[in-house]
Amino acid sequence: MTVALPLVTPWQGTAQAGAPVIAYRCSASQQLAPEAYTPVCTAFLQHLRQRYPQWVFAPQSTNAASPAEPTLTAELHIAAAQRNSTIIQLVWSDAQGQRHPGEVHSVSSMDRSLNASMQSSLYERSIALTPVPIPTK
């Protein structure tokens, strides 16, 4: 079971006019505490924005005005978010609602807490290895 997460990072209007709007949604296993999954949701969104600067990523949970209807949805599912392990899956949905799930990716450490570099590599790997259905707008 997953819980929809409210995000506090609304669309900032920095992409060019007419840029495709990509809805962003983050969900987490119900047993995860907000203080565990919220940083993962926020950091992953920043990685998406860096990887695809030509697109506007608008968190679906906000009522912020966006320049157009979403052409894609990027959903991050967090299965685990602990000090020594993170397990995530990125799922793209196209404008027709067809889901394009990526593989489950994880990072863990037995003898220490995960650091920002380890987390960043996980996010980058998940984004790079999950095919994006090309927006039609």
Protein backbone atom coordinates (compact mmCIF):
# COMPACT_ATOMS: atom_id res chain seq x y z
CA MET A 1 0.00 0.00 0.00
CA THR A 2 1.22 3.48 -0.77
CA VAL A 3 0.55 6.91 0.61
CA ALA A 4 0.44 9.99 -1.63
CA LEU A 5 2.97 12.54 -0.49
CA PRO A 6 2.41 16.28 -0.39
CA LEU A 7 5.39 18.09 -1.83
CA VAL A 8 6.30 21.66 -1.09
CA THR A 9 8.27 22.26 -4.30
CA PRO A 10 5.78 23.86 -6.70
CA TRP A 11 6.44 24.66 -10.31
CA GLN A 12 8.67 27.73 -10.44
CA GLY A 13 8.06 28.85 -14.02
CA THR A 14 11.72 28.60 -15.06
CA ALA A 15 11.33 26.53 -18.25
CA GLN A 16 10.64 28.12 -21.61
CA ALA A 17 7.08 28.96 -22.59
CA GLY A 18 5.45 25.98 -24.25
CA ALA A 19 7.71 23.49 -22.44
CA PRO A 20 6.09 20.11 -21.77
CA VAL A 21 4.63 19.85 -18.28
CA ILE A 22 5.49 16.64 -16.48
CA ALA A 23 3.42 15.82 -13.41
CA TYR A 24 5.49 14.50 -10.49
CA ARG A 25 4.03 12.21 -7.87
CA CYS A 26 5.82 10.42 -5.06
CA SER A 27 4.47 7.50 -3.07
CA ALA A 28 5.93 5.49 -0.21
CA SER A 29 5.23 2.25 1.55
CA GLN A 30 2.79 2.88 4.36
CA GLN A 31 5.24 1.83 7.07
CA LEU A 32 7.67 4.63 6.18
CA ALA A 33 7.67 7.78 8.29
CA PRO A 34 7.43 11.18 6.54
CA GLU A 35 10.86 12.21 7.83
CA ALA A 36 12.33 9.18 6.02
CA TYR A 37 10.67 9.52 2.61
CA THR A 38 10.23 13.28 2.16
CA PRO A 39 13.95 13.98 1.57
CA VAL A 40 14.03 11.18 -1.03
CA CYS A 41 11.01 12.64 -2.87
CA THR A 42 12.48 16.13 -2.88
CA ALA A 43 15.99 15.08 -3.92
CA PHE A 44 14.69 12.83 -6.70
CA LEU A 45 12.59 15.69 -8.09
CA GLN A 46 15.70 17.90 -8.19
CA HIS A 47 17.55 15.19 -10.13
CA LEU A 48 14.69 14.96 -12.64
CA ARG A 49 14.78 18.73 -13.12
CA GLN A 50 18.55 18.65 -13.66
CA ARG A 51 18.38 15.74 -16.12
CA TYR A 52 15.50 17.25 -18.13
CA PRO A 53 15.82 21.05 -17.85
CA GLN A 54 13.66 21.52 -20.96
CA TRP A 55 10.62 20.16 -19.10
CA VAL A 56 8.54 21.64 -16.28
CA PHE A 57 8.12 19.17 -13.40
CA ALA A 58 5.01 20.15 -11.46
CA PRO A 59 4.27 18.19 -8.29
CA GLN A 60 0.76 16.82 -8.70
CA SER A 61 -0.13 17.47 -5.09
CA THR A 62 0.10 21.25 -5.43
CA ASN A 63 -2.47 23.62 -6.86
CA ALA A 64 0.23 25.77 -8.46
CA ALA A 65 -0.68 27.08 -11.88
CA SER A 66 1.23 25.42 -14.69
CA PRO A 67 1.47 26.51 -18.31
CA ALA A 68 -0.21 23.42 -19.81
CA GLU A 69 -1.77 20.08 -19.03
CA PRO A 70 0.76 17.36 -18.18
CA THR A 71 1.98 15.30 -21.13
CA LEU A 72 3.66 12.73 -18.85
CA THR A 73 3.63 11.70 -15.23
CA ALA A 74 6.77 10.67 -13.36
CA GLU A 75 5.96 8.69 -10.23
CA LEU A 76 8.59 7.67 -7.74
CA HIS A 77 7.67 4.78 -5.46
CA ILE A 78 9.80 4.42 -2.35
CA ALA A 79 9.83 0.92 -0.91
CA ALA A 80 12.50 1.66 1.71
CA ALA A 81 14.15 4.81 3.04
CA GLN A 82 16.37 4.10 6.01
CA ARG A 83 19.70 5.42 7.16
CA ASN A 84 21.55 2.53 5.49
CA SER A 85 19.29 1.61 2.54
CA THR A 86 16.98 3.12 -0.04
CA ILE A 87 14.83 1.22 -2.54
CA ILE A 88 13.01 3.09 -5.31
CA GLN A 89 11.17 2.57 -8.59
CA LEU A 90 10.46 5.22 -11.22
CA VAL A 91 7.29 4.79 -13.30
CA TRP A 92 6.48 7.04 -16.25
CA SER A 93 2.88 7.33 -17.48
CA ASP A 94 2.17 8.82 -20.90
CA ALA A 95 -0.68 11.17 -21.83
CA GLN A 96 -2.88 8.16 -22.63
CA GLY A 97 -2.34 6.72 -19.15
CA GLN A 98 -0.07 3.88 -20.30
CA ARG A 99 2.39 3.03 -17.49
CA HIS A 100 6.07 2.48 -18.27
CA PRO A 101 7.64 1.07 -15.08
CA GLY A 102 11.38 1.00 -14.60
CA GLU A 103 13.26 -1.56 -12.61
CA VAL A 104 13.55 -1.39 -8.85
CA HIS A 105 16.86 0.23 -7.88
CA SER A 106 18.50 0.22 -4.48
CA VAL A 107 21.56 1.25 -2.56
CA SER A 108 22.60 -0.06 0.84
CA SER A 109 25.50 -0.08 3.22
CA MET A 110 26.05 -2.56 6.01
CA ASP A 111 28.55 -0.59 8.06
CA ARG A 112 27.56 3.08 7.70
CA SER A 113 24.80 5.49 6.85
CA LEU A 114 24.17 6.36 3.22
CA ASN A 115 25.74 9.64 2.19
CA ALA A 116 24.53 12.20 -0.36
CA SER A 117 26.82 10.83 -3.07
CA MET A 118 25.44 7.30 -2.68
CA GLN A 119 21.86 8.59 -2.80
CA SER A 120 22.62 10.80 -5.80
CA SER A 121 24.10 7.85 -7.72
CA LEU A 122 20.95 5.85 -6.99
CA TYR A 123 18.68 8.61 -8.33
CA GLU A 124 20.82 9.15 -11.42
CA ARG A 125 20.93 5.40 -12.15
CA SER A 126 17.15 5.08 -11.80
CA ILE A 127 16.52 8.04 -14.13
CA ALA A 128 19.11 6.92 -16.69
CA LEU A 129 17.86 3.32 -16.84
CA THR A 130 14.13 4.05 -16.95
CA PRO A 131 13.00 4.80 -20.51
CA VAL A 132 10.97 7.97 -20.92
CA PRO A 133 7.99 7.89 -23.27
CA ILE A 134 8.54 10.99 -25.41
CA PRO A 135 5.97 13.75 -24.73
CA THR A 136 3.77 14.52 -27.71
CA LYS A 137 3.35 18.24 -26.85
